[in-house]
Amino acid sequence: MNSRQSQAGAGWACSAGRYRKLMEDAGAGNAPPFSWLNPRPLLVTRNDRVARLFGDPIDDLRRAWMKILAPADLVIDRSDDNPVSFLVLGDTGEGDGSQWATVPALQAVAPGTAFAFICSDVIYPAGGVDAYAERFFDLYHWYAPPIYAVPGNHDWYDDGEAFMRWFCGARERLPAGTGSPRHRRLRRLRVWRSPGRVDEAAAAAQAGRHDQPGHRASQPGPYFAVDTGPLRLVGIDTGITGEIDPDQEAWLREVSGGERPKILLTGKPLMVDGTAPGSVACRARVDAIVRDPANRYIAAIGGDIHNYQRYLCGDGFVYLVNGGGGAFMHETHSIASLDATPGVGVREADFRCYPLRGDSLSRYSILYGRKVRRLGLRRLFELEPNTAARAMGDVLGLEPTRPEARDACVSRRARWAAKVLLRLPGRGRRSLHLPFSEWLDFNDPPMFKSFLRVDASEDEVRIRCFGVTGCADQQDDPPVEDELVATPGPDGRWRWAVVDPAP
């Protein structure tokens, strides 16, 4: 039972699962939840604003790291994995309840997978060698296969130092003077935050927990490819603002050739929130490579936005947003009907999101209600999930997904509250450095986290999106919120079809 079938399947009104016990056993049970309202996370992530105001130096830093790493080859050969199964996570590393809630579900789904892959933001708020203990090693120590990753913007706020150490094996620091003259000047003025001192003894203790044979991934750089028997996975590094440097773009064009079907894995999604790739120049360049039929890509999966979105194009190609791996939730109720959105090229019938728009609106109504509780206005905002779904359907001109929501009654108060909530700030990724999505962060069920499992053979690729609610009755059998199967056609092109048991 999933969220598309019933309110219970979405995890409303359930008891919390064993993730809280896992946190206690790891010593994280009494730690305060990760908070973006604390001045320190805002201060250490200032490089985001600096990059957007004064220019993103990550292209220069990335090229400097590639000189240090000096990889002989940027393709990892796992061609013996045939067939192959693997996990794909995105935006994992807050280290609090919302990330720990994913662990039981991952443990239930992981058996039989050859590796895992994280797209974007392994560690919040700003990378850091020491931060991996509580936000990576503690959570995934049970997973024996390798874990690969492409960095997100937060992984570059320490100049990529922690990511290069833990995923690429680099122990060096970037040479003094790396970057443009403007960037060096900003660093001298401490406008640009430099990485802090590394406690090597503590780092060695961390490494020892993840060093059993085959456990730690050894990848050649922040961008690379993995050749499995049936698929080539191509991972690109989009830095802070979404750009790729000319060297990486040239490599992407080269590695995209050949007959093998390919999946792109990227720190920033190509299609998101009903916005086509061509609306952003850097996305358009990557998308042109990915959508070239000669390159035989079948899907593009990106993190950065903390929910799940699926866009199935008319020609059978699929774009996925997969950023629900543990960080605060980005809303979906602000996504307009795709039938009413020009230029996207995807029908509303071929779109899926998790959480559903109505569940997202209901969750935000509860969170806003908590914020205004002292004013005695909590009841004014709160919307029951099915009522919120019916209200969203009325706003968008769509029939609610859940059958039980179609007959929900929307009172005048509920209709007013829905209109107000749709106008209130909630689009954290579009605001400055105090996003309302972070302000409204939560760590109790239903969590609305998610991850993917991909199972691929020579004649079929299956992708399942598993929802994570944090509920006790769903932790060992997480609901499948979306399922797609790709098969090759007579012309050799792969096309996806939806497997959807929900009404």
Protein backbone atom coordinates (compact mmCIF):
# COMPACT_ATOMS: atom_id res chain seq x y z
CA MET A 1 0.00 0.00 0.00
CA ASN A 2 1.51 3.33 -1.05
CA SER A 3 0.55 6.99 -0.81
CA ARG A 4 -1.29 6.88 -4.12
CA GLN A 5 -3.65 4.23 -2.79
CA SER A 6 -4.53 5.40 0.70
CA GLN A 7 -3.83 7.94 3.40
CA ALA A 8 -2.54 5.10 5.59
CA GLY A 9 -0.15 4.13 2.79
CA ALA A 10 1.26 7.66 2.93
CA GLY A 11 2.14 7.12 6.59
CA TRP A 12 -0.28 9.51 8.23
CA ALA A 13 -1.07 8.76 11.90
CA CYS A 14 1.45 5.95 12.41
CA SER A 15 3.96 5.08 15.12
CA ALA A 16 7.64 5.82 14.57
CA GLY A 17 9.92 2.97 13.55
CA ARG A 18 13.19 1.71 14.97
CA TYR A 19 15.26 4.50 13.43
CA ARG A 20 15.07 6.25 16.81
CA LYS A 21 16.64 3.23 18.50
CA LEU A 22 19.34 3.17 15.80
CA MET A 23 20.09 6.81 16.56
CA GLU A 24 20.36 6.06 20.28
CA ASP A 25 22.68 3.12 19.65
CA ALA A 26 24.91 5.38 17.52
CA GLY A 27 24.96 8.10 20.17
CA ALA A 28 22.85 10.42 18.04
CA GLY A 29 19.61 10.04 19.96
CA ASN A 30 20.19 12.98 22.29
CA ALA A 31 21.79 15.21 19.71
CA PRO A 32 19.64 18.19 18.68
CA PRO A 33 18.13 17.92 15.19
CA PHE A 34 20.08 19.56 12.43
CA SER A 35 18.82 23.14 12.20
CA TRP A 36 19.29 25.67 9.44
CA LEU A 37 18.19 28.41 11.84
CA ASN A 38 21.45 28.05 13.75
CA PRO A 39 23.84 30.86 12.70
CA ARG A 40 26.75 28.46 12.23
CA PRO A 41 25.31 26.49 9.25
CA LEU A 42 24.42 29.78 7.61
CA LEU A 43 27.93 31.11 8.15
CA VAL A 44 29.80 28.03 6.91
CA THR A 45 27.64 27.79 3.78
CA ARG A 46 28.28 31.40 2.75
CA ASN A 47 30.35 30.20 -0.23
CA ASP A 48 27.05 29.55 -1.99
CA ARG A 49 26.12 33.23 -1.91
CA VAL A 50 29.68 34.30 -2.69
CA ALA A 51 29.79 32.04 -5.75
CA ARG A 52 26.50 33.41 -7.04
CA LEU A 53 27.47 37.04 -6.43
CA PHE A 54 31.12 37.06 -7.49
CA GLY A 55 31.43 34.05 -9.78
CA ASP A 56 31.70 30.33 -9.15
CA PRO A 57 35.36 29.23 -8.74
CA ILE A 58 34.54 25.51 -8.69
CA ASP A 59 35.60 24.93 -12.30
CA ASP A 60 39.10 26.08 -11.36
CA LEU A 61 39.12 24.08 -8.12
CA ARG A 62 37.88 20.96 -9.89
CA ARG A 63 40.63 21.16 -12.50
CA ALA A 64 43.19 21.57 -9.71
CA TRP A 65 41.86 18.47 -7.95
CA MET A 66 42.00 16.47 -11.16
CA LYS A 67 45.69 17.37 -11.49
CA ILE A 68 46.28 16.10 -7.95
CA LEU A 69 44.30 12.90 -8.50
CA ALA A 70 45.82 12.36 -11.97
CA PRO A 71 43.53 9.45 -12.83
CA ALA A 72 44.73 7.14 -15.59
CA ASP A 73 41.14 6.39 -16.52
CA LEU A 74 37.80 7.86 -15.50
CA VAL A 75 35.83 4.66 -16.14
CA ILE A 76 35.40 2.04 -13.41
CA ASP A 77 35.12 -1.42 -14.91
CA ARG A 78 32.41 -3.52 -13.24
CA SER A 79 31.41 -5.31 -16.43
CA ASP A 80 31.27 -8.62 -14.56
CA ASP A 81 28.16 -7.27 -12.79
CA ASN A 82 25.68 -8.70 -15.28
CA PRO A 83 22.86 -8.52 -14.42
CA VAL A 84 23.37 -5.70 -11.93
CA SER A 85 21.35 -4.10 -9.15
CA PHE A 86 22.26 -0.90 -7.31
CA LEU A 87 20.81 1.81 -5.07
CA VAL A 88 20.61 5.50 -5.93
CA LEU A 89 20.27 8.05 -3.12
CA GLY A 90 20.34 11.82 -3.19
CA ASP A 91 20.97 14.63 -0.67
CA THR A 92 21.56 12.41 2.31
CA GLY A 93 23.73 13.97 4.95
CA GLU A 94 21.89 15.88 7.68
CA GLY A 95 22.63 13.17 10.24
CA ASP A 96 19.35 13.64 12.14
CA GLY A 97 16.06 11.75 12.25
CA SER A 98 15.09 12.41 8.65
CA GLN A 99 18.25 10.68 7.43
CA TRP A 100 18.23 7.90 10.01
CA ALA A 101 14.64 7.06 9.03
CA THR A 102 15.91 5.87 5.65
CA VAL A 103 18.23 3.25 7.15
CA PRO A 104 15.69 0.45 7.95
CA ALA A 105 14.11 0.85 4.51
CA LEU A 106 17.52 0.76 2.82
CA GLN A 107 18.44 -2.36 4.78
CA ALA A 108 15.23 -4.02 3.58
CA VAL A 109 15.78 -3.16 -0.10
CA ALA A 110 19.59 -3.40 -0.35
CA PRO A 111 20.13 -7.20 -0.47
CA GLY A 112 21.46 -8.23 -3.86
CA THR A 113 22.77 -4.79 -4.81
CA ALA A 114 26.35 -4.49 -6.06
CA PHE A 115 26.90 -0.87 -5.01
CA ALA A 116 25.17 2.36 -4.07
CA PHE A 117 25.43 5.78 -5.70
CA ILE A 118 24.77 9.14 -4.02
CA CYS A 119 23.79 12.07 -6.26
CA SER A 120 24.49 15.39 -4.54
CA ASP A 121 25.12 16.70 -1.02
CA VAL A 122 26.65 13.76 0.80
CA ILE A 123 27.26 16.00 3.83
CA TYR A 124 25.45 19.05 5.20
CA PRO A 125 25.98 21.87 5.80
CA ALA A 126 29.44 22.37 4.29
CA GLY A 127 31.32 19.12 3.74
CA GLY A 128 34.16 18.69 6.22
CA VAL A 129 36.45 15.71 6.80
CA ASP A 130 35.28 15.26 10.40
CA ALA A 131 31.57 15.53 9.54
CA TYR A 132 31.56 12.15 7.76
CA ALA A 133 31.60 10.22 11.03
CA GLU A 134 28.07 11.16 12.13
CA ARG A 135 26.53 11.78 8.71
CA PHE A 136 27.96 8.99 6.57
CA PHE A 137 29.97 6.29 8.36
CA ASP A 138 27.54 5.85 11.28
CA LEU A 139 24.54 5.49 8.99
CA TYR A 140 25.91 3.23 6.26
CA HIS A 141 28.51 1.09 8.09
CA TRP A 142 26.24 -1.94 7.59
CA TYR A 143 26.36 -1.65 3.78
CA ALA A 144 29.27 -3.79 2.63
CA PRO A 145 29.43 -2.98 -1.13
CA PRO A 146 31.08 0.22 -2.40
CA ILE A 147 29.33 3.57 -2.27
CA TYR A 148 30.10 5.99 -5.12
CA ALA A 149 29.04 9.62 -5.30
CA VAL A 150 29.04 12.82 -7.30
CA PRO A 151 29.31 15.95 -5.15
CA GLY A 152 26.55 18.48 -4.63
CA ASN A 153 26.92 22.17 -3.95
CA HIS A 154 27.27 21.59 -0.18
CA ASP A 155 30.16 19.18 -0.77
CA TRP A 156 32.08 22.05 -2.41
CA TYR A 157 31.75 24.53 0.49
CA ASP A 158 35.02 23.15 1.92
CA ASP A 159 36.68 23.37 -1.53
CA GLY A 160 35.78 19.70 -2.04
CA GLU A 161 38.44 18.58 0.43
CA ALA A 162 36.38 16.01 2.36
CA PHE A 163 34.76 14.55 -0.75
CA MET A 164 38.13 14.09 -2.46
CA ARG A 165 39.53 12.38 0.63
CA TRP A 166 36.72 9.95 1.35
CA PHE A 167 35.65 9.09 -2.19
CA CYS A 168 38.79 9.64 -4.29
CA GLY A 169 41.57 8.87 -1.79
CA ALA A 170 43.23 12.31 -1.89
CA ARG A 171 45.08 13.36 1.27
CA GLU A 172 46.49 16.59 -0.13
CA ARG A 173 45.05 20.08 0.11
CA LEU A 174 44.71 22.39 -2.85
CA PRO A 175 47.88 24.40 -3.48
CA ALA A 176 47.91 27.99 -2.29
CA GLY A 177 46.95 30.32 -5.08
CA THR A 178 44.45 27.96 -6.68
CA GLY A 179 41.61 29.80 -8.38
CA SER A 180 41.13 33.08 -10.19
CA PRO A 181 42.64 36.35 -8.88
CA ARG A 182 39.19 37.40 -7.65
CA HIS A 183 38.73 34.13 -5.81
CA ARG A 184 42.17 34.38 -4.18
CA ARG A 185 41.36 37.91 -3.05
CA LEU A 186 38.04 36.80 -1.56
CA ARG A 187 39.83 34.00 0.25
CA ARG A 188 42.42 36.40 1.70
CA LEU A 189 39.61 38.66 2.92
CA ARG A 190 37.88 35.57 4.41
CA VAL A 191 34.78 36.31 2.39
CA TRP A 192 35.28 32.91 0.78
CA ARG A 193 35.39 30.27 3.51
CA SER A 194 38.48 28.05 3.42
CA PRO A 195 38.39 24.50 4.83
CA GLY A 196 39.41 24.13 8.45
CA ARG A 197 42.25 22.16 9.97
CA VAL A 198 41.93 18.37 9.75
CA ASP A 199 42.41 16.20 12.83
CA GLU A 200 44.33 13.39 11.15
CA ALA A 201 44.02 11.04 14.13
CA ALA A 202 40.25 11.40 14.12
CA ALA A 203 40.19 11.03 10.34
CA ALA A 204 42.20 7.81 10.58
CA ALA A 205 39.72 6.47 13.14
CA GLN A 206 36.86 7.25 10.77
CA ALA A 207 38.61 5.55 7.86
CA GLY A 208 39.16 2.43 9.90
CA ARG A 209 35.43 1.92 10.23
CA HIS A 210 34.94 1.84 6.47
CA ASP A 211 38.03 0.02 5.25
CA GLN A 212 37.07 -3.63 5.01
CA PRO A 213 37.85 -5.12 1.58
CA GLY A 214 35.52 -3.91 -1.11
CA HIS A 215 33.62 -1.60 1.25
CA ARG A 216 35.01 1.80 0.48
CA ALA A 217 34.60 2.96 -3.10
CA SER A 218 37.72 4.15 -4.86
CA GLN A 219 36.58 6.42 -7.65
CA PRO A 220 38.94 8.31 -9.95
CA GLY A 221 37.45 11.77 -9.51
CA PRO A 222 34.34 13.85 -8.83
CA TYR A 223 33.09 12.91 -12.31
CA PHE A 224 33.51 9.42 -13.71
CA ALA A 225 31.67 6.50 -15.30
CA VAL A 226 30.87 2.98 -14.11
CA ASP A 227 30.64 0.22 -16.70
CA THR A 228 28.39 -2.62 -15.59
CA GLY A 229 27.49 -5.50 -17.87
CA PRO A 230 24.21 -4.08 -19.17
CA LEU A 231 24.65 -0.34 -18.46
CA ARG A 232 27.12 2.50 -18.39
CA LEU A 233 26.50 4.97 -15.58
CA VAL A 234 27.88 8.46 -16.23
CA GLY A 235 28.29 10.72 -13.19
CA ILE A 236 28.94 14.43 -13.61
CA ASP A 237 29.93 17.09 -11.07
CA THR A 238 27.90 20.29 -11.34
CA GLY A 239 29.70 22.28 -8.62
CA ILE A 240 27.84 25.00 -6.74
CA THR A 241 25.88 26.77 -9.48
CA GLY A 242 25.35 23.86 -11.87
CA GLU A 243 28.21 24.45 -14.30
CA ILE A 244 30.64 21.91 -15.73
CA ASP A 245 34.09 23.01 -16.86
CA PRO A 246 35.26 22.56 -20.48
CA ASP A 247 37.45 19.57 -19.58
CA GLN A 248 34.51 17.76 -18.02
CA GLU A 249 32.21 18.64 -20.91
CA ALA A 250 34.73 17.27 -23.40
CA TRP A 251 35.01 14.09 -21.33
CA LEU A 252 31.22 13.80 -21.15
CA ARG A 253 30.97 13.95 -24.93
CA GLU A 254 33.65 11.30 -25.29
CA VAL A 255 32.31 8.89 -22.66
CA SER A 256 28.77 9.21 -24.02
CA GLY A 257 29.62 7.45 -27.25
CA GLY A 258 29.14 3.76 -27.94
CA GLU A 259 26.26 1.34 -28.17
CA ARG A 260 25.88 0.56 -24.47
CA PRO A 261 22.69 2.02 -22.87
CA LYS A 262 23.52 4.81 -20.42
CA ILE A 263 22.08 6.57 -17.39
CA LEU A 264 23.25 10.04 -16.40
CA LEU A 265 23.72 10.68 -12.66
CA THR A 266 24.12 14.32 -11.76
CA GLY A 267 24.21 16.63 -8.76
CA LYS A 268 21.52 18.85 -10.27
CA PRO A 269 18.52 17.49 -12.21
CA LEU A 270 18.03 18.40 -15.84
CA MET A 271 14.24 18.69 -15.55
CA VAL A 272 12.67 19.78 -12.28
CA ASP A 273 9.48 21.45 -10.99
CA GLY A 274 7.96 21.42 -14.45
CA THR A 275 10.85 23.39 -15.93
CA ALA A 276 12.46 22.05 -19.10
CA PRO A 277 16.26 21.65 -19.32
CA GLY A 278 16.56 24.35 -21.97
CA SER A 279 15.58 27.05 -19.47
CA VAL A 280 19.08 26.96 -17.94
CA ALA A 281 22.12 27.24 -20.22
CA CYS A 282 24.34 24.69 -18.47
CA ARG A 283 21.50 22.16 -18.24
CA ALA A 284 20.74 22.69 -21.91
CA ARG A 285 24.31 21.81 -22.91
CA VAL A 286 24.27 18.59 -20.92
CA ASP A 287 20.76 17.77 -22.08
CA ALA A 288 21.80 18.14 -25.73
CA ILE A 289 24.40 15.42 -25.18
CA VAL A 290 22.04 13.18 -23.24
CA ARG A 291 19.16 13.48 -25.71
CA ASP A 292 21.30 12.81 -28.78
CA PRO A 293 19.97 9.43 -29.98
CA ALA A 294 23.47 8.40 -31.04
CA ASN A 295 24.58 8.45 -27.37
CA ARG A 296 21.88 5.96 -26.26
CA TYR A 297 20.97 7.49 -22.91
CA ILE A 298 17.79 6.06 -21.44
CA ALA A 299 17.47 8.20 -18.28
CA ALA A 300 18.87 11.20 -16.41
CA ILE A 301 18.76 11.14 -12.59
CA GLY A 302 19.63 14.18 -10.47
CA GLY A 303 19.60 15.19 -6.83
CA ASP A 304 19.65 18.68 -5.21
CA ILE A 305 15.85 18.99 -4.90
CA HIS A 306 14.65 17.06 -1.87
CA ASN A 307 11.75 15.06 -3.23
CA TYR A 308 11.00 12.61 -6.05
CA GLN A 309 9.77 13.69 -9.48
CA ARG A 310 9.37 11.65 -12.65
CA TYR A 311 8.98 13.06 -16.16
CA LEU A 312 8.30 10.43 -18.83
CA CYS A 313 8.74 11.99 -22.27
CA GLY A 314 6.72 11.03 -25.33
CA ASP A 315 9.73 9.34 -26.94
CA GLY A 316 10.21 7.08 -23.91
CA PHE A 317 13.09 8.94 -22.21
CA VAL A 318 12.74 9.63 -18.48
CA TYR A 319 14.02 12.42 -16.23
CA LEU A 320 14.07 11.71 -12.49
CA VAL A 321 14.58 14.00 -9.51
CA ASN A 322 15.88 11.85 -6.66
CA GLY A 323 16.85 14.04 -3.71
CA GLY A 324 14.82 12.53 -0.89
CA GLY A 325 17.69 10.64 0.75
CA GLY A 326 17.60 12.29 4.17
CA ALA A 327 17.61 16.09 4.10
CA PHE A 328 14.67 18.42 4.76
CA MET A 329 11.73 18.09 2.37
CA HIS A 330 11.19 20.42 -0.56
CA GLU A 331 7.51 20.93 -1.32
CA THR A 332 5.75 19.50 -4.36
CA HIS A 333 2.50 21.43 -4.01
CA SER A 334 4.02 24.38 -5.91
CA ILE A 335 4.40 22.27 -9.09
CA ALA A 336 1.76 23.36 -11.59
CA SER A 337 -0.19 20.95 -13.75
CA LEU A 338 2.09 19.92 -16.58
CA ASP A 339 -0.85 20.01 -18.97
CA ALA A 340 -1.04 23.75 -18.28
CA THR A 341 2.74 24.32 -18.47
CA PRO A 342 3.96 25.15 -21.98
CA GLY A 343 7.28 23.94 -23.31
CA VAL A 344 7.83 21.00 -20.95
CA GLY A 345 6.80 18.28 -23.39
CA VAL A 346 5.51 15.94 -20.67
CA ARG A 347 1.85 15.31 -19.93
CA GLU A 348 0.47 15.43 -16.40
CA ALA A 349 -0.48 11.76 -16.86
CA ASP A 350 3.22 10.94 -17.33
CA PHE A 351 4.34 12.89 -14.27
CA ARG A 352 4.72 11.53 -10.73
CA CYS A 353 5.91 13.16 -7.54
CA TYR A 354 6.49 12.00 -4.00
CA PRO A 355 5.15 13.32 -1.75
CA LEU A 356 1.91 13.84 -3.63
CA ARG A 357 0.99 17.50 -3.97
CA GLY A 358 -1.85 17.13 -1.47
CA ASP A 359 0.35 15.39 1.11
CA SER A 360 2.96 18.11 0.64
CA LEU A 361 0.36 20.85 1.21
CA SER A 362 -1.00 19.05 4.29
CA ARG A 363 2.50 18.60 5.74
CA TYR A 364 3.28 22.28 5.24
CA SER A 365 -0.06 23.29 6.77
CA ILE A 366 0.83 21.34 9.91
CA LEU A 367 4.32 22.83 10.02
CA TYR A 368 3.05 26.37 9.58
CA GLY A 369 0.45 25.62 12.24
CA ARG A 370 3.20 24.71 14.66
CA LYS A 371 4.98 27.98 13.97
CA VAL A 372 1.89 30.06 14.77
CA ARG A 373 0.72 27.93 17.70
CA ARG A 374 1.55 30.64 20.21
CA LEU A 375 -0.76 33.00 18.38
CA GLY A 376 -3.62 30.56 18.75
CA LEU A 377 -3.89 30.17 14.98
CA ARG A 378 -2.79 26.57 14.56
CA ARG A 379 -6.23 25.26 13.56
CA LEU A 380 -6.56 28.06 11.03
CA PHE A 381 -3.86 26.60 8.77
CA GLU A 382 -4.03 22.86 9.28
CA LEU A 383 -5.44 20.76 6.45
CA GLU A 384 -6.23 17.06 6.75
CA PRO A 385 -4.35 15.13 3.99
CA ASN A 386 -7.35 14.13 1.88
CA THR A 387 -8.87 17.58 2.23
CA ALA A 388 -5.57 19.08 1.07
CA ALA A 389 -5.50 16.69 -1.87
CA ARG A 390 -9.03 17.69 -2.88
CA ALA A 391 -8.13 21.38 -2.52
CA MET A 392 -5.01 20.93 -4.68
CA GLY A 393 -7.08 19.13 -7.27
CA ASP A 394 -9.49 22.04 -7.40
CA VAL A 395 -6.66 24.56 -7.76
CA LEU A 396 -4.92 22.62 -10.54
CA GLY A 397 -8.02 21.31 -12.27
CA LEU A 398 -6.95 17.71 -11.59
CA GLU A 399 -8.66 14.73 -10.03
CA PRO A 400 -6.97 13.76 -6.72
CA THR A 401 -4.75 10.70 -7.04
CA ARG A 402 -6.06 8.87 -3.95
CA PRO A 403 -9.57 7.51 -4.45
CA GLU A 404 -10.54 8.39 -0.87
CA ALA A 405 -9.58 12.04 -1.46
CA ARG A 406 -11.95 12.48 -4.38
CA ASP A 407 -14.98 12.64 -2.13
CA ALA A 408 -13.36 14.85 0.54
CA CYS A 409 -15.31 17.93 1.54
CA VAL A 410 -13.42 21.23 1.42
CA SER A 411 -14.84 23.75 3.84
CA ARG A 412 -14.59 27.49 3.33
CA ARG A 413 -11.85 27.63 5.98
CA ALA A 414 -9.92 24.81 4.27
CA ARG A 415 -10.26 26.45 0.87
CA TRP A 416 -9.03 29.75 2.29
CA ALA A 417 -6.14 28.04 4.10
CA ALA A 418 -5.06 26.25 0.91
CA LYS A 419 -4.98 29.52 -1.01
CA VAL A 420 -2.96 31.22 1.73
CA LEU A 421 -0.51 28.33 2.04
CA LEU A 422 0.07 28.28 -1.71
CA ARG A 423 1.12 31.93 -1.48
CA LEU A 424 3.26 31.62 1.65
CA PRO A 425 7.02 31.08 1.27
CA GLY A 426 7.87 27.45 0.90
CA ARG A 427 10.10 27.31 -2.12
CA GLY A 428 13.37 26.99 -0.24
CA ARG A 429 15.52 26.45 -3.31
CA ARG A 430 14.32 29.71 -4.90
CA SER A 431 14.99 32.04 -1.98
CA LEU A 432 18.20 33.36 -0.48
CA HIS A 433 20.03 31.79 2.44
CA LEU A 434 17.22 31.36 4.94
CA PRO A 435 14.85 29.14 2.95
CA PHE A 436 11.45 28.44 4.40
CA SER A 437 11.74 24.74 3.57
CA GLU A 438 14.64 24.59 6.03
CA TRP A 439 12.68 26.66 8.56
CA LEU A 440 9.89 24.11 8.30
CA ASP A 441 12.19 21.07 8.63
CA PHE A 442 10.76 18.10 10.56
CA ASN A 443 11.95 14.73 11.87
CA ASP A 444 8.78 12.81 12.66
CA PRO A 445 6.58 10.58 10.46
CA PRO A 446 5.49 10.76 7.79
CA MET A 447 8.95 11.76 6.53
CA PHE A 448 8.35 11.52 2.75
CA LYS A 449 11.94 10.48 2.03
CA SER A 450 12.78 8.23 -0.91
CA PHE A 451 15.48 6.37 -2.81
CA LEU A 452 15.78 4.24 -5.95
CA ARG A 453 16.69 0.64 -6.66
CA VAL A 454 17.77 -0.13 -10.23
CA ASP A 455 17.79 -3.71 -11.55
CA ALA A 456 19.31 -4.08 -15.01
CA SER A 457 19.91 -6.91 -17.44
CA GLU A 458 20.68 -7.01 -21.14
CA ASP A 459 17.00 -6.83 -22.07
CA GLU A 460 15.34 -4.91 -19.22
CA VAL A 461 16.02 -2.04 -16.81
CA ARG A 462 13.70 -1.61 -13.84
CA ILE A 463 13.65 1.45 -11.57
CA ARG A 464 11.63 1.50 -8.38
CA CYS A 465 11.18 4.53 -6.15
CA PHE A 466 10.73 3.44 -2.53
CA GLY A 467 8.98 5.82 -0.18
CA VAL A 468 10.29 6.25 3.36
CA THR A 469 7.76 7.37 5.93
CA GLY A 470 9.60 6.49 9.15
CA CYS A 471 6.59 4.39 10.19
CA ALA A 472 7.09 1.15 12.07
CA ASP A 473 4.69 -0.80 9.87
CA GLN A 474 6.45 0.23 6.65
CA GLN A 475 10.13 0.15 7.61
CA ASP A 476 10.76 -3.48 6.60
CA ASP A 477 8.55 -3.37 3.52
CA PRO A 478 8.79 0.20 2.21
CA PRO A 479 6.07 1.16 -0.27
CA VAL A 480 6.90 1.37 -3.96
CA GLU A 481 5.79 4.87 -4.96
CA ASP A 482 6.74 4.58 -8.62
CA GLU A 483 7.99 1.80 -10.89
CA LEU A 484 9.27 1.95 -14.46
CA VAL A 485 10.55 -0.73 -16.82
CA ALA A 486 12.61 -0.02 -19.94
CA THR A 487 13.00 -2.45 -22.81
CA PRO A 488 14.66 -2.07 -26.22
CA GLY A 489 12.42 -1.70 -29.25
CA PRO A 490 12.93 -3.09 -32.76
CA ASP A 491 14.87 0.05 -33.67
CA GLY A 492 17.28 -0.52 -30.77
CA ARG A 493 15.98 2.47 -28.77
CA TRP A 494 14.97 1.85 -25.18
CA ARG A 495 11.58 3.06 -23.98
CA TRP A 496 10.10 3.20 -20.52
CA ALA A 497 6.69 1.94 -19.48
CA VAL A 498 4.98 2.58 -16.15
CA VAL A 499 4.18 -0.26 -13.77
CA ASP A 500 1.51 1.25 -11.58
CA PRO A 501 -0.73 -0.89 -9.37
CA ALA A 502 -2.32 2.21 -7.89
CA PRO A 503 -5.62 3.50 -9.29
